[in-house]
Amino acid sequence: MTPEKTGQDVWFTATEASKVLRVTRQAIYRAINSGQIPVHGEGYGRKIHVQDLLAYGIQTGRDPKELVDRIGKDTGADAGDLVMWVLAGLGLVLLVKGLFKK
């Protein structure tokens, strides 16, 4: 299975996301249903954007380097795309943490 590419964007199915994060599909669906992972589309057409997948992985304590290595291997993305996605993923994490900081 290869993630869907549209331009510089990369989209993952729940199955593909579960392989990147090394969790079950059910864990991905729980995260989607609880709003922890945003999805685009409806039903079987739901897709997870690479930035959202990275942000969730980082938020849940996974090593960003390992995530990037797996995503790069799966997508064939170049270093520039990978850096952009990591920075966007980290930015989302920092933004969320800042919003809920007391």
Protein backbone atom coordinates (compact mmCIF):
# COMPACT_ATOMS: atom_id res chain seq x y z
CA MET A 1 0.00 0.00 0.00
CA THR A 2 1.28 3.44 -0.92
CA PRO A 3 -0.09 6.68 0.52
CA GLU A 4 -1.94 8.90 -1.96
CA LYS A 5 0.03 11.89 -3.28
CA THR A 6 -1.56 15.04 -4.64
CA GLY A 7 1.12 17.58 -5.45
CA GLN A 8 3.20 17.96 -2.30
CA ASP A 9 0.40 16.65 -0.11
CA VAL A 10 0.38 13.06 1.07
CA TRP A 11 -2.73 11.34 2.42
CA PHE A 12 -2.90 8.11 4.44
CA THR A 13 -5.71 5.64 4.95
CA ALA A 14 -6.29 4.38 8.49
CA THR A 15 -4.49 1.16 7.58
CA GLU A 16 -1.45 3.02 6.24
CA ALA A 17 -1.44 5.32 9.28
CA SER A 18 -1.53 2.33 11.61
CA LYS A 19 1.57 0.91 9.93
CA VAL A 20 3.45 4.21 10.25
CA LEU A 21 2.56 4.55 13.94
CA ARG A 22 2.82 0.80 14.57
CA VAL A 23 -0.59 0.58 16.21
CA THR A 24 -3.76 -1.24 15.28
CA ARG A 25 -6.30 0.16 12.85
CA GLN A 26 -8.76 0.21 15.74
CA ALA A 27 -6.42 2.55 17.64
CA ILE A 28 -6.37 4.88 14.62
CA TYR A 29 -10.17 4.79 14.36
CA ARG A 30 -10.49 5.57 18.10
CA ALA A 31 -8.17 8.57 17.65
CA ILE A 32 -10.18 9.71 14.62
CA ASN A 33 -13.52 9.30 16.39
CA SER A 34 -12.27 11.17 19.48
CA GLY A 35 -11.02 14.05 17.32
CA GLN A 36 -7.33 13.47 18.04
CA ILE A 37 -6.58 12.86 14.37
CA PRO A 38 -8.38 15.09 11.87
CA VAL A 39 -9.60 13.38 8.70
CA HIS A 40 -10.76 14.63 5.36
CA GLY A 41 -13.57 12.96 3.48
CA GLU A 42 -16.36 10.65 4.53
CA GLY A 43 -16.78 6.94 5.18
CA TYR A 44 -14.30 4.72 3.34
CA GLY A 45 -12.90 7.79 1.61
CA ARG A 46 -11.52 9.28 4.82
CA LYS A 47 -7.85 10.23 4.59
CA ILE A 48 -5.32 11.53 7.09
CA HIS A 49 -2.95 14.28 5.98
CA VAL A 50 0.73 13.59 6.59
CA GLN A 51 1.07 16.65 8.85
CA ASP A 52 -1.82 15.51 11.03
CA LEU A 53 -0.34 12.01 11.24
CA LEU A 54 3.03 13.42 12.29
CA ALA A 55 1.45 15.76 14.82
CA TYR A 56 -0.51 12.92 16.41
CA GLY A 57 2.55 10.67 16.46
CA ILE A 58 4.63 13.35 18.15
CA GLN A 59 1.86 14.16 20.64
CA THR A 60 1.63 10.51 21.62
CA GLY A 61 5.36 10.28 22.33
CA ARG A 62 6.70 8.64 19.21
CA ASP A 63 10.19 9.46 17.98
CA PRO A 64 9.86 12.06 15.18
CA LYS A 65 12.94 10.69 13.39
CA GLU A 66 11.46 7.19 13.23
CA LEU A 67 8.15 8.55 11.96
CA VAL A 68 9.90 10.59 9.28
CA ASP A 69 12.00 7.59 8.24
CA ARG A 70 8.88 5.41 7.87
CA ILE A 71 6.93 8.08 6.02
CA GLY A 72 9.87 8.83 3.74
CA LYS A 73 10.29 5.16 2.93
CA ASP A 74 6.56 4.72 2.23
CA THR A 75 6.17 7.86 0.13
CA GLY A 76 9.54 8.31 -1.53
CA ALA A 77 9.37 11.96 -0.44
CA ASP A 78 12.45 14.10 -0.74
CA ALA A 79 14.21 15.70 2.23
CA GLY A 80 12.59 19.10 1.65
CA ASP A 81 9.08 17.67 1.87
CA LEU A 82 9.98 15.68 4.99
CA VAL A 83 11.40 18.75 6.74
CA MET A 84 8.33 20.79 5.82
CA TRP A 85 5.99 18.10 7.20
CA VAL A 86 7.95 17.73 10.43
CA LEU A 87 7.99 21.47 11.03
CA ALA A 88 4.28 21.68 10.32
CA GLY A 89 3.61 18.68 12.59
CA LEU A 90 5.71 20.15 15.38
CA GLY A 91 4.07 23.53 14.88
CA LEU A 92 0.64 21.98 15.32
CA VAL A 93 1.78 20.23 18.49
CA LEU A 94 3.24 23.42 19.95
CA LEU A 95 0.13 25.39 19.02
CA VAL A 96 -2.18 22.89 20.70
CA LYS A 97 -0.01 22.74 23.81
CA GLY A 98 0.05 26.54 23.95
CA LEU A 99 -3.74 26.78 23.69
CA PHE A 100 -4.28 24.47 26.64
CA LYS A 101 -1.46 25.75 28.82
CA LYS A 102 -2.66 27.14 32.13
